[in-house]
């Protein structure tokens, strides 16, 4: 499948989930439109769910990256594919007002929902930015911890995601990711199934390939571990597909060495990735009513019609 076809299908599905949740549909906190069911099934506690506005929890993950992140007050956190803001807001409560959290998502409806949730929670140190995880609108070496929950499998260019993650992490920074991985090669029919791709199955990369991608990007201390109950979780998503024979929920951890240059470029671009305007998001970011998702403190001046210091 072509990358743009995948991106548009993913954007359409998760935009629809955000709209249905806003209208009080089945995803309004119950998670019934999402693969993982309720967040309680994914390893979050009742205290976690009580920490953030109810509208932030759509049950869209496949694990709990907070459990391996070991976040500390004052840390700078980036959430890849932040959705309605559940993990980003939980991170905000852990790093506190001396820290900061940026959530990046390519779905305008999710960004709008997440911003409302952050305002409701009163978290001024948590912000949400429209962008693609393959081209992050975040400065080099500006992040201490990267979180992500069942999103990287949806990317058609996973090596670019890991290169970008390495670029934006400060030396000594770390990845704390929950995602689905393939333990054996998926069948060609499964790989070609667009619904299975947007449902977090067909895009799962083999464990050995993820390990190789991370190391090629520059990461060290790579660790990929199957989540307890990870196959049963996948079985619930598509019981007729037999995906649990191929795919499992896992945690992915890695570190950017302190010896790594904080200004290393993954692909020779400028200091700030021009995500909104280098990609299929161009038409959305450049429309007058969408610039708020592109023009912010993390976007290069004069990008996509933004002016220096443009406010959201």
C-alpha atoms as a PDB file:
ATOM      1  CA  UNK A   1       0.000   0.000   0.000  1.00  0.00           C
ATOM      2  CA  UNK A   2       1.152   3.533  -0.711  1.00  0.00           C
ATOM      3  CA  UNK A   3       2.202   5.608   2.286  1.00  0.00           C
ATOM      4  CA  UNK A   4      -0.271   8.407   1.558  1.00  0.00           C
ATOM      5  CA  UNK A   5      -3.150   5.933   1.323  1.00  0.00           C
ATOM      6  CA  UNK A   6      -2.238   4.579   4.754  1.00  0.00           C
ATOM      7  CA  UNK A   7      -1.884   8.039   6.296  1.00  0.00           C
ATOM      8  CA  UNK A   8      -5.224   9.214   4.970  1.00  0.00           C
ATOM      9  CA  UNK A   9      -6.986   6.060   6.168  1.00  0.00           C
ATOM     10  CA  UNK A  10      -5.460   6.410   9.631  1.00  0.00           C
ATOM     11  CA  UNK A  11      -6.372  10.104   9.787  1.00  0.00           C
ATOM     12  CA  UNK A  12      -9.949   9.383   8.709  1.00  0.00           C
ATOM     13  CA  UNK A  13     -10.468   6.582  11.233  1.00  0.00           C
ATOM     14  CA  UNK A  14      -9.122   8.413  14.258  1.00  0.00           C
ATOM     15  CA  UNK A  15     -10.744  11.670  13.237  1.00  0.00           C
ATOM     16  CA  UNK A  16     -14.056   9.805  13.165  1.00  0.00           C
ATOM     17  CA  UNK A  17     -13.395   8.338  16.614  1.00  0.00           C
ATOM     18  CA  UNK A  18     -12.726  11.828  17.985  1.00  0.00           C
ATOM     19  CA  UNK A  19     -15.917  13.173  16.397  1.00  0.00           C
ATOM     20  CA  UNK A  20     -18.039  10.309  17.713  1.00  0.00           C
ATOM     21  CA  UNK A  21     -16.620  10.774  21.194  1.00  0.00           C
ATOM     22  CA  UNK A  22     -17.431  14.490  21.067  1.00  0.00           C
ATOM     23  CA  UNK A  23     -21.004  13.616  20.067  1.00  0.00           C
ATOM     24  CA  UNK A  24     -21.403  11.191  22.968  1.00  0.00           C
ATOM     25  CA  UNK A  25     -21.062   8.127  20.778  1.00  0.00           C
ATOM     26  CA  UNK A  26     -19.671   4.788  21.816  1.00  0.00           C
ATOM     27  CA  UNK A  27     -16.134   6.087  22.212  1.00  0.00           C
ATOM     28  CA  UNK A  28     -17.141   8.654  24.802  1.00  0.00           C
ATOM     29  CA  UNK A  29     -14.923   7.228  27.518  1.00  0.00           C
ATOM     30  CA  UNK A  30     -15.943   3.589  27.042  1.00  0.00           C
ATOM     31  CA  UNK A  31     -13.307   2.768  24.462  1.00  0.00           C
ATOM     32  CA  UNK A  32     -15.706   0.489  22.587  1.00  0.00           C
ATOM     33  CA  UNK A  33     -14.668   1.868  19.197  1.00  0.00           C
ATOM     34  CA  UNK A  34     -11.008   1.259  19.939  1.00  0.00           C
ATOM     35  CA  UNK A  35      -8.879  -1.893  19.767  1.00  0.00           C
ATOM     36  CA  UNK A  36      -7.821  -1.978  23.397  1.00  0.00           C
ATOM     37  CA  UNK A  37     -11.144  -1.576  25.165  1.00  0.00           C
ATOM     38  CA  UNK A  38     -11.051   0.311  28.443  1.00  0.00           C
ATOM     39  CA  UNK A  39      -7.816   1.768  29.791  1.00  0.00           C
ATOM     40  CA  UNK A  40      -8.221  -0.449  32.834  1.00  0.00           C
ATOM     41  CA  UNK A  41      -7.532  -3.429  30.573  1.00  0.00           C
ATOM     42  CA  UNK A  42      -4.281  -1.795  29.454  1.00  0.00           C
ATOM     43  CA  UNK A  43      -2.635  -1.419  32.848  1.00  0.00           C
ATOM     44  CA  UNK A  44      -3.873   1.981  34.009  1.00  0.00           C
ATOM     45  CA  UNK A  45      -5.228   2.371  37.534  1.00  0.00           C
ATOM     46  CA  UNK A  46      -8.418   4.031  38.692  1.00  0.00           C
ATOM     47  CA  UNK A  47      -6.214   6.815  40.078  1.00  0.00           C
ATOM     48  CA  UNK A  48      -4.720   7.319  36.606  1.00  0.00           C
ATOM     49  CA  UNK A  49      -8.164   7.646  35.069  1.00  0.00           C
ATOM     50  CA  UNK A  50      -9.286  10.051  37.802  1.00  0.00           C
ATOM     51  CA  UNK A  51      -6.255  12.301  37.192  1.00  0.00           C
ATOM     52  CA  UNK A  52      -7.395  13.562  33.777  1.00  0.00           C
ATOM     53  CA  UNK A  53     -10.723  14.697  32.291  1.00  0.00           C
ATOM     54  CA  UNK A  54     -12.936  11.776  31.287  1.00  0.00           C
ATOM     55  CA  UNK A  55     -12.900  12.867  27.648  1.00  0.00           C
ATOM     56  CA  UNK A  56      -9.157  12.207  27.412  1.00  0.00           C
ATOM     57  CA  UNK A  57      -9.473   8.451  27.873  1.00  0.00           C
ATOM     58  CA  UNK A  58     -10.659   6.819  24.664  1.00  0.00           C
ATOM     59  CA  UNK A  59      -9.088   3.427  25.380  1.00  0.00           C
ATOM     60  CA  UNK A  60      -7.034   3.595  22.194  1.00  0.00           C
ATOM     61  CA  UNK A  61      -3.772   2.120  23.456  1.00  0.00           C
ATOM     62  CA  UNK A  62      -2.255  -1.352  23.722  1.00  0.00           C
ATOM     63  CA  UNK A  63      -0.438  -0.862  27.030  1.00  0.00           C
ATOM     64  CA  UNK A  64       0.702   1.744  29.529  1.00  0.00           C
ATOM     65  CA  UNK A  65       3.953   3.522  28.621  1.00  0.00           C
ATOM     66  CA  UNK A  66       3.747   5.448  31.903  1.00  0.00           C
ATOM     67  CA  UNK A  67       4.599   2.202  33.693  1.00  0.00           C
ATOM     68  CA  UNK A  68       8.082   2.068  32.135  1.00  0.00           C
ATOM     69  CA  UNK A  69       8.740   5.791  31.699  1.00  0.00           C
ATOM     70  CA  UNK A  70       9.655   6.542  35.346  1.00  0.00           C
ATOM     71  CA  UNK A  71       8.931  10.222  34.781  1.00  0.00           C
ATOM     72  CA  UNK A  72      10.408  12.768  37.177  1.00  0.00           C
ATOM     73  CA  UNK A  73       9.390  16.330  38.069  1.00  0.00           C
ATOM     74  CA  UNK A  74      10.864  18.862  35.665  1.00  0.00           C
ATOM     75  CA  UNK A  75      11.366  16.484  32.733  1.00  0.00           C
ATOM     76  CA  UNK A  76      10.454  17.412  29.164  1.00  0.00           C
ATOM     77  CA  UNK A  77       8.158  14.818  27.591  1.00  0.00           C
ATOM     78  CA  UNK A  78       6.986  14.204  24.023  1.00  0.00           C
ATOM     79  CA  UNK A  79       3.977  11.970  23.257  1.00  0.00           C
ATOM     80  CA  UNK A  80       3.946  10.567  19.708  1.00  0.00           C
ATOM     81  CA  UNK A  81       0.373  10.212  18.464  1.00  0.00           C
ATOM     82  CA  UNK A  82      -1.173  11.856  21.517  1.00  0.00           C
ATOM     83  CA  UNK A  83      -4.814  11.375  20.536  1.00  0.00           C
ATOM     84  CA  UNK A  84      -7.241  12.959  23.002  1.00  0.00           C
ATOM     85  CA  UNK A  85      -4.374  13.569  25.426  1.00  0.00           C
ATOM     86  CA  UNK A  86      -4.659  10.752  27.977  1.00  0.00           C
ATOM     87  CA  UNK A  87      -0.960   9.832  28.249  1.00  0.00           C
ATOM     88  CA  UNK A  88       0.237  13.408  27.751  1.00  0.00           C
ATOM     89  CA  UNK A  89      -1.957  14.670  30.592  1.00  0.00           C
ATOM     90  CA  UNK A  90      -0.900  11.827  32.877  1.00  0.00           C
ATOM     91  CA  UNK A  91       2.705  12.768  32.068  1.00  0.00           C
ATOM     92  CA  UNK A  92       1.856  16.394  32.854  1.00  0.00           C
ATOM     93  CA  UNK A  93       0.714  15.425  36.324  1.00  0.00           C
ATOM     94  CA  UNK A  94       3.993  13.554  36.919  1.00  0.00           C
ATOM     95  CA  UNK A  95       6.485  16.114  35.611  1.00  0.00           C
ATOM     96  CA  UNK A  96       4.592  18.982  37.219  1.00  0.00           C
ATOM     97  CA  UNK A  97       4.646  22.665  36.263  1.00  0.00           C
ATOM     98  CA  UNK A  98       8.461  22.727  36.234  1.00  0.00           C
ATOM     99  CA  UNK A  99       8.370  20.192  33.398  1.00  0.00           C
ATOM    100  CA  UNK A 100       6.663  20.270  30.024  1.00  0.00           C
ATOM    101  CA  UNK A 101       4.752  17.920  27.742  1.00  0.00           C
ATOM    102  CA  UNK A 102       4.165  18.162  23.993  1.00  0.00           C
ATOM    103  CA  UNK A 103       1.641  15.904  22.301  1.00  0.00           C
ATOM    104  CA  UNK A 104       1.935  15.508  18.525  1.00  0.00           C
ATOM    105  CA  UNK A 105      -0.918  14.062  16.471  1.00  0.00           C
ATOM    106  CA  UNK A 106      -1.782  14.251  12.773  1.00  0.00           C
ATOM    107  CA  UNK A 107      -5.546  14.307  13.338  1.00  0.00           C
ATOM    108  CA  UNK A 108      -6.981  17.821  13.732  1.00  0.00           C
ATOM    109  CA  UNK A 109     -10.043  16.502  15.586  1.00  0.00           C
ATOM    110  CA  UNK A 110      -7.844  14.783  18.178  1.00  0.00           C
ATOM    111  CA  UNK A 111      -5.692  17.894  18.617  1.00  0.00           C
ATOM    112  CA  UNK A 112      -8.777  20.023  19.245  1.00  0.00           C
ATOM    113  CA  UNK A 113     -10.135  17.508  21.744  1.00  0.00           C
ATOM    114  CA  UNK A 114      -6.784  17.207  23.550  1.00  0.00           C
ATOM    115  CA  UNK A 115      -6.461  20.980  23.871  1.00  0.00           C
ATOM    116  CA  UNK A 116      -9.892  21.184  25.462  1.00  0.00           C
ATOM    117  CA  UNK A 117      -8.940  18.431  27.888  1.00  0.00           C
ATOM    118  CA  UNK A 118      -5.695  20.210  28.837  1.00  0.00           C
ATOM    119  CA  UNK A 119      -7.649  23.419  29.472  1.00  0.00           C
ATOM    120  CA  UNK A 120     -10.149  21.528  31.629  1.00  0.00           C
ATOM    121  CA  UNK A 121      -7.308  19.965  33.617  1.00  0.00           C
ATOM    122  CA  UNK A 122      -5.635  23.365  34.025  1.00  0.00           C
ATOM    123  CA  UNK A 123      -2.348  22.054  32.632  1.00  0.00           C
ATOM    124  CA  UNK A 124      -0.680  25.075  31.056  1.00  0.00           C
ATOM    125  CA  UNK A 125       2.575  23.104  30.744  1.00  0.00           C
ATOM    126  CA  UNK A 126       0.961  20.537  28.406  1.00  0.00           C
ATOM    127  CA  UNK A 127       0.454  21.512  24.751  1.00  0.00           C
ATOM    128  CA  UNK A 128      -0.734  19.709  21.635  1.00  0.00           C
ATOM    129  CA  UNK A 129       0.644  20.305  18.137  1.00  0.00           C
ATOM    130  CA  UNK A 130      -0.605  19.126  14.749  1.00  0.00           C
ATOM    131  CA  UNK A 131       2.093  17.183  12.937  1.00  0.00           C
ATOM    132  CA  UNK A 132       3.347  13.826  11.736  1.00  0.00           C
ATOM    133  CA  UNK A 133       5.611  11.628  13.824  1.00  0.00           C
ATOM    134  CA  UNK A 134       7.866  11.058  10.803  1.00  0.00           C
ATOM    135  CA  UNK A 135       8.598  14.820  10.733  1.00  0.00           C
ATOM    136  CA  UNK A 136       8.284  16.116  14.267  1.00  0.00           C
ATOM    137  CA  UNK A 137       7.656  19.841  14.796  1.00  0.00           C
ATOM    138  CA  UNK A 138      10.049  19.789  17.764  1.00  0.00           C
ATOM    139  CA  UNK A 139      13.547  21.230  18.233  1.00  0.00           C
ATOM    140  CA  UNK A 140      16.717  19.133  18.295  1.00  0.00           C
ATOM    141  CA  UNK A 141      17.768  17.797  21.684  1.00  0.00           C
ATOM    142  CA  UNK A 142      14.822  19.397  23.499  1.00  0.00           C
ATOM    143  CA  UNK A 143      13.161  16.287  24.986  1.00  0.00           C
ATOM    144  CA  UNK A 144      14.059  14.017  27.907  1.00  0.00           C
ATOM    145  CA  UNK A 145      11.476  11.245  27.451  1.00  0.00           C
ATOM    146  CA  UNK A 146       9.417  10.091  24.476  1.00  0.00           C
ATOM    147  CA  UNK A 147       6.160   8.238  25.086  1.00  0.00           C
ATOM    148  CA  UNK A 148       3.927   6.560  22.533  1.00  0.00           C
ATOM    149  CA  UNK A 149       0.991   4.184  22.836  1.00  0.00           C
ATOM    150  CA  UNK A 150       0.038   1.932  19.910  1.00  0.00           C
ATOM    151  CA  UNK A 151       0.847   4.553  17.258  1.00  0.00           C
ATOM    152  CA  UNK A 152       4.209   3.785  15.632  1.00  0.00           C
ATOM    153  CA  UNK A 153       2.771   0.604  14.103  1.00  0.00           C
ATOM    154  CA  UNK A 154       0.455   2.897  12.103  1.00  0.00           C
ATOM    155  CA  UNK A 155       3.356   4.706  10.445  1.00  0.00           C
ATOM    156  CA  UNK A 156       4.312   3.634   6.921  1.00  0.00           C
ATOM    157  CA  UNK A 157       7.860   4.933   7.547  1.00  0.00           C
ATOM    158  CA  UNK A 158       8.983   3.617  10.919  1.00  0.00           C
ATOM    159  CA  UNK A 159      12.728   4.231  10.368  1.00  0.00           C
ATOM    160  CA  UNK A 160      11.909   7.940   9.947  1.00  0.00           C
ATOM    161  CA  UNK A 161       9.960   7.901  13.222  1.00  0.00           C
ATOM    162  CA  UNK A 162      12.938   6.507  15.109  1.00  0.00           C
ATOM    163  CA  UNK A 163      15.383   8.880  13.423  1.00  0.00           C
ATOM    164  CA  UNK A 164      13.179  11.799  14.430  1.00  0.00           C
ATOM    165  CA  UNK A 165      12.869  10.462  17.968  1.00  0.00           C
ATOM    166  CA  UNK A 166      16.655  10.304  18.197  1.00  0.00           C
ATOM    167  CA  UNK A 167      17.005  13.820  16.826  1.00  0.00           C
ATOM    168  CA  UNK A 168      14.686  15.491  19.322  1.00  0.00           C
ATOM    169  CA  UNK A 169      15.937  13.612  22.381  1.00  0.00           C
ATOM    170  CA  UNK A 170      18.633  15.189  24.497  1.00  0.00           C
ATOM    171  CA  UNK A 171      21.719  13.061  25.196  1.00  0.00           C
ATOM    172  CA  UNK A 172      20.721  10.574  27.874  1.00  0.00           C
ATOM    173  CA  UNK A 173      17.071  10.783  26.787  1.00  0.00           C
ATOM    174  CA  UNK A 174      14.945   7.664  26.631  1.00  0.00           C
ATOM    175  CA  UNK A 175      12.057   5.980  24.823  1.00  0.00           C
ATOM    176  CA  UNK A 176       9.127   4.445  26.733  1.00  0.00           C
ATOM    177  CA  UNK A 177       6.775   2.980  24.142  1.00  0.00           C
ATOM    178  CA  UNK A 178       3.841   0.577  24.164  1.00  0.00           C
ATOM    179  CA  UNK A 179       3.103  -0.819  20.721  1.00  0.00           C
ATOM    180  CA  UNK A 180       2.254  -3.924  18.773  1.00  0.00           C
ATOM    181  CA  UNK A 181       5.060  -5.920  17.198  1.00  0.00           C
ATOM    182  CA  UNK A 182       5.115  -8.956  14.930  1.00  0.00           C
ATOM    183  CA  UNK A 183       6.797 -12.103  16.196  1.00  0.00           C
ATOM    184  CA  UNK A 184       6.465 -13.854  12.816  1.00  0.00           C
ATOM    185  CA  UNK A 185       5.945 -12.400   9.357  1.00  0.00           C
ATOM    186  CA  UNK A 186       2.336 -11.495   8.583  1.00  0.00           C
ATOM    187  CA  UNK A 187       0.703 -13.011   5.518  1.00  0.00           C
ATOM    188  CA  UNK A 188       0.564 -10.884   2.340  1.00  0.00           C
ATOM    189  CA  UNK A 189      -3.235 -10.766   2.681  1.00  0.00           C
ATOM    190  CA  UNK A 190      -2.994  -9.325   6.188  1.00  0.00           C
ATOM    191  CA  UNK A 191      -0.411  -6.745   5.109  1.00  0.00           C
ATOM    192  CA  UNK A 192      -2.717  -5.654   2.291  1.00  0.00           C
ATOM    193  CA  UNK A 193      -5.772  -5.269   4.542  1.00  0.00           C
ATOM    194  CA  UNK A 194      -6.247  -1.520   5.086  1.00  0.00           C
ATOM    195  CA  UNK A 195      -8.765  -2.056   7.886  1.00  0.00           C
ATOM    196  CA  UNK A 196      -6.264  -4.301   9.672  1.00  0.00           C
ATOM    197  CA  UNK A 197      -3.629  -1.592   9.200  1.00  0.00           C
ATOM    198  CA  UNK A 198      -5.734   1.164  10.764  1.00  0.00           C
ATOM    199  CA  UNK A 199      -6.733  -1.357  13.443  1.00  0.00           C
ATOM    200  CA  UNK A 200      -3.118  -1.653  14.650  1.00  0.00           C
ATOM    201  CA  UNK A 201      -2.412  -5.103  13.216  1.00  0.00           C
ATOM    202  CA  UNK A 202      -1.134  -5.073   9.630  1.00  0.00           C
ATOM    203  CA  UNK A 203       1.444  -2.339  10.249  1.00  0.00           C
ATOM    204  CA  UNK A 204       3.236  -4.201  13.034  1.00  0.00           C
ATOM    205  CA  UNK A 205       6.944  -4.636  12.253  1.00  0.00           C
ATOM    206  CA  UNK A 206       8.944  -7.714  13.176  1.00  0.00           C
ATOM    207  CA  UNK A 207      10.760  -7.479  16.504  1.00  0.00           C
ATOM    208  CA  UNK A 208      14.143  -7.954  14.856  1.00  0.00           C
ATOM    209  CA  UNK A 209      13.363  -5.174  12.371  1.00  0.00           C
ATOM    210  CA  UNK A 210      12.342  -2.735  15.125  1.00  0.00           C
ATOM    211  CA  UNK A 211      15.565  -3.534  16.972  1.00  0.00           C
ATOM    212  CA  UNK A 212      17.559  -2.886  13.786  1.00  0.00           C
ATOM    213  CA  UNK A 213      15.705   0.392  13.082  1.00  0.00           C
ATOM    214  CA  UNK A 214      16.372   1.700  16.582  1.00  0.00           C
ATOM    215  CA  UNK A 215      20.064   0.827  16.458  1.00  0.00           C
ATOM    216  CA  UNK A 216      20.418   2.302  12.964  1.00  0.00           C
ATOM    217  CA  UNK A 217      18.901   5.543  14.295  1.00  0.00           C
ATOM    218  CA  UNK A 218      21.594   5.622  16.991  1.00  0.00           C
ATOM    219  CA  UNK A 219      19.803   4.206  20.033  1.00  0.00           C
ATOM    220  CA  UNK A 220      21.464   1.992  22.622  1.00  0.00           C
ATOM    221  CA  UNK A 221      20.216  -0.356  25.364  1.00  0.00           C
ATOM    222  CA  UNK A 222      17.316  -1.440  23.149  1.00  0.00           C
ATOM    223  CA  UNK A 223      14.823  -3.665  24.919  1.00  0.00           C
ATOM    224  CA  UNK A 224      11.608  -5.070  23.412  1.00  0.00           C
ATOM    225  CA  UNK A 225       9.476  -7.115  25.825  1.00  0.00           C
ATOM    226  CA  UNK A 226       6.145  -8.857  25.322  1.00  0.00           C
ATOM    227  CA  UNK A 227       3.388  -7.437  27.513  1.00  0.00           C
ATOM    228  CA  UNK A 228       1.752  -9.861  29.891  1.00  0.00           C
ATOM    229  CA  UNK A 229      -1.542 -10.798  28.262  1.00  0.00           C
ATOM    230  CA  UNK A 230      -0.397  -9.134  25.053  1.00  0.00           C
ATOM    231  CA  UNK A 231      -1.623 -11.882  22.744  1.00  0.00           C
ATOM    232  CA  UNK A 232      -5.027 -12.070  24.391  1.00  0.00           C
ATOM    233  CA  UNK A 233      -5.350  -8.312  23.927  1.00  0.00           C
ATOM    234  CA  UNK A 234      -4.694  -8.648  20.187  1.00  0.00           C
ATOM    235  CA  UNK A 235      -7.093 -11.594  19.974  1.00  0.00           C
ATOM    236  CA  UNK A 236      -9.881  -9.367  21.292  1.00  0.00           C
ATOM    237  CA  UNK A 237      -9.327  -6.810  18.523  1.00  0.00           C
ATOM    238  CA  UNK A 238      -9.984  -9.175  15.604  1.00  0.00           C
ATOM    239  CA  UNK A 239     -11.039 -12.638  16.833  1.00  0.00           C
ATOM    240  CA  UNK A 240     -11.795 -13.862  13.311  1.00  0.00           C
ATOM    241  CA  UNK A 241      -8.461 -12.766  11.857  1.00  0.00           C
ATOM    242  CA  UNK A 242      -6.179 -14.894  14.034  1.00  0.00           C
ATOM    243  CA  UNK A 243      -3.833 -11.917  14.407  1.00  0.00           C
ATOM    244  CA  UNK A 244      -2.625 -13.070  17.827  1.00  0.00           C
ATOM    245  CA  UNK A 245      -0.653 -15.807  16.059  1.00  0.00           C
ATOM    246  CA  UNK A 246       1.441 -13.067  14.446  1.00  0.00           C
ATOM    247  CA  UNK A 247       1.216  -9.909  16.572  1.00  0.00           C
ATOM    248  CA  UNK A 248       1.601  -9.122  20.265  1.00  0.00           C
ATOM    249  CA  UNK A 249       1.499  -6.035  22.459  1.00  0.00           C
ATOM    250  CA  UNK A 250       4.962  -5.125  23.739  1.00  0.00           C
ATOM    251  CA  UNK A 251       7.028  -2.463  25.460  1.00  0.00           C
ATOM    252  CA  UNK A 252       9.902  -0.832  23.588  1.00  0.00           C
ATOM    253  CA  UNK A 253      12.684   0.899  25.505  1.00  0.00           C
ATOM    254  CA  UNK A 254      15.912   2.528  24.298  1.00  0.00           C
ATOM    255  CA  UNK A 255      18.357   5.264  25.282  1.00  0.00           C
ATOM    256  CA  UNK A 256      20.164   8.006  23.416  1.00  0.00           C
ATOM    257  CA  UNK A 257      23.710   7.862  24.712  1.00  0.00           C
ATOM    258  CA  UNK A 258      25.036  10.863  26.634  1.00  0.00           C
ATOM    259  CA  UNK A 259      27.891  10.827  24.121  1.00  0.00           C
ATOM    260  CA  UNK A 260      25.448  11.524  21.272  1.00  0.00           C
ATOM    261  CA  UNK A 261      25.453  15.031  19.851  1.00  0.00           C
ATOM    262  CA  UNK A 262      22.334  16.943  20.817  1.00  0.00           C
ATOM    263  CA  UNK A 263      22.450  18.689  17.463  1.00  0.00           C
ATOM    264  CA  UNK A 264      22.834  15.609  15.292  1.00  0.00           C
ATOM    265  CA  UNK A 265      20.667  15.744  12.196  1.00  0.00           C
ATOM    266  CA  UNK A 266      18.781  12.661  11.091  1.00  0.00           C
ATOM    267  CA  UNK A 267      18.369  13.879   7.539  1.00  0.00           C
ATOM    268  CA  UNK A 268      20.089  17.233   7.173  1.00  0.00           C
ATOM    269  CA  UNK A 269      16.997  19.404   7.725  1.00  0.00           C
ATOM    270  CA  UNK A 270      16.908  22.659   9.703  1.00  0.00           C
ATOM    271  CA  UNK A 271      16.904  22.764  13.516  1.00  0.00           C
ATOM    272  CA  UNK A 272      13.116  22.514  13.670  1.00  0.00           C
ATOM    273  CA  UNK A 273      11.279  19.911  11.617  1.00  0.00           C
ATOM    274  CA  UNK A 274       8.847  21.616   9.277  1.00  0.00           C
ATOM    275  CA  UNK A 275       6.272  18.898   9.730  1.00  0.00           C
ATOM    276  CA  UNK A 276       3.098  20.709   8.817  1.00  0.00           C
ATOM    277  CA  UNK A 277       4.300  21.935   5.472  1.00  0.00           C
ATOM    278  CA  UNK A 278       6.554  19.141   4.236  1.00  0.00           C
ATOM    279  CA  UNK A 279       3.839  16.491   4.167  1.00  0.00           C
ATOM    280  CA  UNK A 280       0.288  15.643   3.256  1.00  0.00           C
ATOM    281  CA  UNK A 281      -0.739  17.993   6.080  1.00  0.00           C
ATOM    282  CA  UNK A 282       0.115  20.933   3.813  1.00  0.00           C
ATOM    283  CA  UNK A 283      -3.447  21.701   2.760  1.00  0.00           C
ATOM    284  CA  UNK A 284      -4.715  21.552   6.339  1.00  0.00           C
ATOM    285  CA  UNK A 285      -1.942  23.553   7.964  1.00  0.00           C
ATOM    286  CA  UNK A 286      -2.005  26.307   5.395  1.00  0.00           C
ATOM    287  CA  UNK A 287      -5.730  26.975   5.554  1.00  0.00           C
ATOM    288  CA  UNK A 288      -6.583  30.035   7.629  1.00  0.00           C
ATOM    289  CA  UNK A 289      -8.574  28.098  10.224  1.00  0.00           C
ATOM    290  CA  UNK A 290      -5.899  25.432  10.690  1.00  0.00           C
ATOM    291  CA  UNK A 291      -2.797  27.535  11.275  1.00  0.00           C
ATOM    292  CA  UNK A 292      -3.282  27.305  15.019  1.00  0.00           C
ATOM    293  CA  UNK A 293      -2.176  23.682  14.753  1.00  0.00           C
ATOM    294  CA  UNK A 294       0.950  24.566  12.794  1.00  0.00           C
ATOM    295  CA  UNK A 295       2.110  27.978  13.992  1.00  0.00           C
ATOM    296  CA  UNK A 296       3.453  27.715  17.505  1.00  0.00           C
ATOM    297  CA  UNK A 297       6.644  28.058  19.508  1.00  0.00           C
ATOM    298  CA  UNK A 298       7.980  24.770  18.100  1.00  0.00           C
ATOM    299  CA  UNK A 299       7.509  25.614  14.427  1.00  0.00           C
ATOM    300  CA  UNK A 300      10.157  27.400  12.416  1.00  0.00           C
ATOM    301  CA  UNK A 301       9.318  31.055  11.585  1.00  0.00           C
ATOM    302  CA  UNK A 302       7.853  31.765   8.158  1.00  0.00           C
ATOM    303  CA  UNK A 303       6.781  28.159   7.732  1.00  0.00           C
ATOM    304  CA  UNK A 304       3.438  27.612   6.037  1.00  0.00           C
ATOM    305  CA  UNK A 305       2.412  31.245   6.389  1.00  0.00           C
ATOM    306  CA  UNK A 306       3.405  31.431  10.053  1.00  0.00           C
ATOM    307  CA  UNK A 307       5.081  34.590  11.278  1.00  0.00           C
ATOM    308  CA  UNK A 308       7.870  34.597  13.836  1.00  0.00           C
ATOM    309  CA  UNK A 309       6.491  33.968  17.317  1.00  0.00           C
ATOM    310  CA  UNK A 310       2.988  33.201  16.055  1.00  0.00           C
ATOM    311  CA  UNK A 311       0.647  32.341  18.875  1.00  0.00           C
ATOM    312  CA  UNK A 312      -1.784  29.462  18.906  1.00  0.00           C
END
